[in-house]
Protein backbone atom coordinates (compact mmCIF):
# COMPACT_ATOMS: atom_id res chain seq x y z
CA MET A 1 0.00 0.00 0.00
CA SER A 2 1.11 3.40 -0.74
CA GLU A 3 1.30 6.20 1.70
CA LYS A 4 -1.56 7.99 0.07
CA GLU A 5 -3.85 5.01 0.48
CA ILE A 6 -2.90 4.64 4.14
CA ASN A 7 -3.67 8.33 4.78
CA ASN A 8 -7.03 7.95 3.02
CA GLU A 9 -7.91 4.94 5.18
CA GLU A 10 -6.90 6.80 8.35
CA THR A 11 -9.02 9.78 7.28
CA VAL A 12 -12.03 7.53 6.63
CA GLU A 13 -11.55 5.80 10.01
CA THR A 14 -11.24 9.17 11.80
CA GLU A 15 -14.35 10.49 10.08
CA GLY A 16 -16.20 7.30 11.00
CA GLN A 17 -15.17 7.65 14.64
CA GLU A 18 -16.25 11.33 14.67
CA ASN A 19 -19.63 10.39 13.18
CA THR A 20 -20.05 7.64 15.76
CA GLU A 21 -19.06 10.02 18.58
CA LYS A 22 -21.53 12.65 17.30
CA THR A 23 -24.26 10.08 17.15
CA GLU A 24 -23.54 8.92 20.70
CA LEU A 25 -23.40 12.54 21.89
CA GLU A 26 -26.68 13.31 20.16
CA LEU A 27 -28.27 10.25 21.76
CA ILE A 28 -27.01 11.31 25.19
CA ASN A 29 -28.33 14.85 24.66
CA GLU A 30 -31.71 13.51 23.53
CA LYS A 31 -31.85 11.21 26.55
CA MET A 32 -30.94 14.14 28.83
CA ALA A 33 -33.64 16.31 27.26
CA GLN A 34 -36.20 13.53 27.76
CA MET A 35 -35.16 13.13 31.38
CA GLN A 36 -35.38 16.89 31.96
CA ASP A 37 -38.87 16.88 30.45
CA GLN A 38 -39.86 14.00 32.70
CA ILE A 39 -38.40 15.80 35.73
CA ALA A 40 -40.36 18.94 34.79
CA GLN A 41 -43.57 16.88 34.40
CA ASN A 42 -43.02 15.14 37.72
CA ASN A 43 -42.28 18.46 39.41
CA ASP A 44 -45.47 19.92 37.91
CA LYS A 45 -47.49 16.91 39.15
CA TYR A 46 -45.92 17.29 42.58
CA LEU A 47 -46.73 21.01 42.77
CA ARG A 48 -50.32 20.39 41.64
CA LEU A 49 -50.73 17.61 44.18
CA MET A 50 -49.38 19.82 46.94
CA ALA A 51 -51.73 22.66 45.95
CA GLU A 52 -54.66 20.24 45.83
CA TYR A 53 -53.78 18.86 49.26
CA ASP A 54 -53.44 22.38 50.67
CA ASN A 55 -56.87 23.31 49.27
CA PHE A 56 -58.33 20.09 50.71
CA ARG A 57 -56.82 20.82 54.12
CA LYS A 58 -58.18 24.39 54.14
CA ARG A 59 -61.61 23.25 52.94
CA THR A 60 -61.92 20.54 55.60
CA ALA A 61 -60.75 22.94 58.33
CA LYS A 62 -63.37 25.45 57.21
CA GLU A 63 -66.06 22.75 57.14
CA ARG A 64 -65.03 21.52 60.59
CA ASP A 65 -65.22 25.05 61.99
CA SER A 66 -68.57 25.56 60.30
CA LEU A 67 -69.95 22.31 61.71
CA TYR A 68 -68.73 23.22 65.18
CA SER A 69 -70.32 26.66 64.91
CA GLU A 70 -73.60 25.17 63.67
CA ALA A 71 -73.71 22.58 66.46
CA TYR A 72 -72.84 25.22 69.03
CA ALA A 73 -75.60 27.51 67.77
CA ASP A 74 -78.12 24.65 67.79
CA ALA A 75 -77.25 23.82 71.40
CA VAL A 76 -77.68 27.45 72.44
CA LYS A 77 -81.01 27.61 70.55
CA GLY A 78 -82.32 25.02 72.97
CA ILE A 79 -81.31 27.08 76.01
CA ILE A 80 -82.59 30.49 74.90
CA PRO A 81 -86.34 29.68 75.19
CA ILE A 82 -85.74 28.60 78.80
CA ILE A 83 -84.18 31.99 79.56
CA ASP A 84 -87.12 33.70 77.80
CA ASN A 85 -89.59 31.83 80.01
CA ILE A 86 -87.69 32.72 83.17
CA GLU A 87 -87.71 36.40 82.11
CA ARG A 88 -91.48 36.23 81.45
CA ALA A 89 -92.00 34.65 84.87
CA ARG A 90 -89.97 37.46 86.43
CA ALA A 91 -92.26 40.06 84.86
CA CYS A 92 -95.26 38.46 86.62
CA ILE A 93 -93.77 38.17 90.12
CA THR A 94 -94.56 40.81 92.72
CA ASP A 95 -92.92 39.18 95.76
CA GLU A 96 -89.59 40.95 96.25
CA GLN A 97 -87.62 37.96 97.55
CA THR A 98 -88.76 35.68 94.75
CA ALA A 99 -88.10 38.44 92.20
CA HIS A 100 -84.56 38.87 93.53
CA GLY A 101 -83.92 35.12 93.27
CA ILE A 102 -85.18 34.99 89.69
CA ASP A 103 -83.09 38.08 88.83
CA MET A 104 -80.03 36.19 90.07
CA ILE A 105 -80.92 33.23 87.85
CA ILE A 106 -81.38 35.51 84.83
CA THR A 107 -78.05 37.24 85.53
CA ALA A 108 -76.26 33.90 85.84
CA ALA A 109 -77.82 32.67 82.60
CA HIS A 110 -76.73 35.80 80.70
CA GLU A 111 -73.21 35.55 82.16
CA ALA A 112 -73.03 31.91 81.07
CA LEU A 113 -74.08 32.88 77.54
CA ASN A 114 -71.46 35.66 77.48
CA LYS A 115 -68.76 33.21 78.58
CA MET A 116 -69.82 30.94 75.74
CA GLY A 117 -69.37 33.84 73.29
CA VAL A 118 -73.10 34.35 72.77
CA THR A 119 -74.14 37.99 72.89
CA GLU A 120 -77.49 39.70 72.85
CA ILE A 121 -78.28 41.66 69.69
CA GLU A 122 -78.59 45.37 70.38
CA ALA A 123 -81.98 46.82 69.63
CA LYS A 124 -81.41 50.49 68.82
CA ASN A 125 -81.73 50.99 65.08
CA PHE A 126 -83.40 48.49 62.79
CA ASP A 127 -81.06 46.24 60.83
CA PRO A 128 -82.76 43.58 58.67
CA ASN A 129 -79.67 41.38 59.08
CA MET A 130 -80.26 41.15 62.85
CA HIS A 131 -83.86 42.14 63.49
CA ASN A 132 -87.24 40.80 62.46
CA ALA A 133 -89.75 43.67 62.35
CA VAL A 134 -93.14 42.27 63.31
CA MET A 135 -94.83 45.64 63.89
CA HIS A 136 -94.45 49.10 62.40
CA ILE A 137 -95.77 52.46 63.59
CA ASP A 138 -95.67 55.96 62.17
CA ASP A 139 -94.78 58.40 64.95
CA GLU A 140 -93.01 61.73 64.54
CA ASN A 141 -91.55 61.41 68.05
CA TYR A 142 -89.21 58.64 66.87
CA GLY A 143 -86.48 58.62 64.23
CA GLU A 144 -86.36 56.63 60.98
CA GLY A 145 -85.88 52.91 61.66
CA GLU A 146 -85.74 53.37 65.42
CA ILE A 147 -86.72 50.31 67.43
CA ILE A 148 -89.56 51.11 69.83
CA GLU A 149 -90.12 47.78 71.54
CA VAL A 150 -88.42 44.38 71.69
CA PHE A 151 -90.85 41.45 71.77
CA GLN A 152 -88.17 38.76 71.78
CA LYS A 153 -84.43 39.24 72.30
CA GLY A 154 -82.04 38.18 69.57
CA TYR A 155 -78.73 36.42 70.09
CA LYS A 156 -75.62 35.86 68.02
CA TYR A 157 -72.49 33.75 68.28
CA GLY A 158 -69.64 35.72 66.73
CA GLU A 159 -71.08 36.80 63.38
CA LYS A 160 -73.61 33.94 63.24
CA ILE A 161 -77.16 34.90 64.14
CA ILE A 162 -78.66 32.32 66.47
CA ARG A 163 -82.04 34.02 66.74
CA TYR A 164 -83.23 37.28 65.20
CA ALA A 165 -84.66 39.89 67.55
CA MET A 166 -88.41 40.42 67.07
CA VAL A 167 -89.05 44.17 67.26
CA LYS A 168 -91.50 47.00 66.70
CA VAL A 169 -90.06 49.69 64.41
CA ALA A 170 -90.99 53.36 63.95
CA ASN A 171 -91.42 55.26 60.67
């Protein structure tokens, strides 16, 4: 073989090795790109799952608080009519000692409700979100929407209305 032929063979072998190396490099790059895509997809799935779990946790906590509040309000609803009846009985009693004893019971009942977070709804100006107007009068001596008389006290627990106040409203 001549020197020229040997150089040509070496050149062909070198080019063949370079082509093989490029092909292997391209395959590695493609594989890396696929793996990066898969990592990105898995990361996206993970982030979505975490967001979904966080939403689930918040939703269940809110539902639990709501259920607790509802049950609490229902329990208090059963006690309020008893307090109403005691207050009605107090209005009928003329004996001073008995009246004093019933006043103590009423005070203790209201203190217990306050400790439980249940407050009486104020009855100054009419608010349809807290009051139920069962009577209306037109009288120039009273202001617009002023509550004249309370027929039944209203109670609320935080922002939740347990019972609306039944009132008589002017103008």
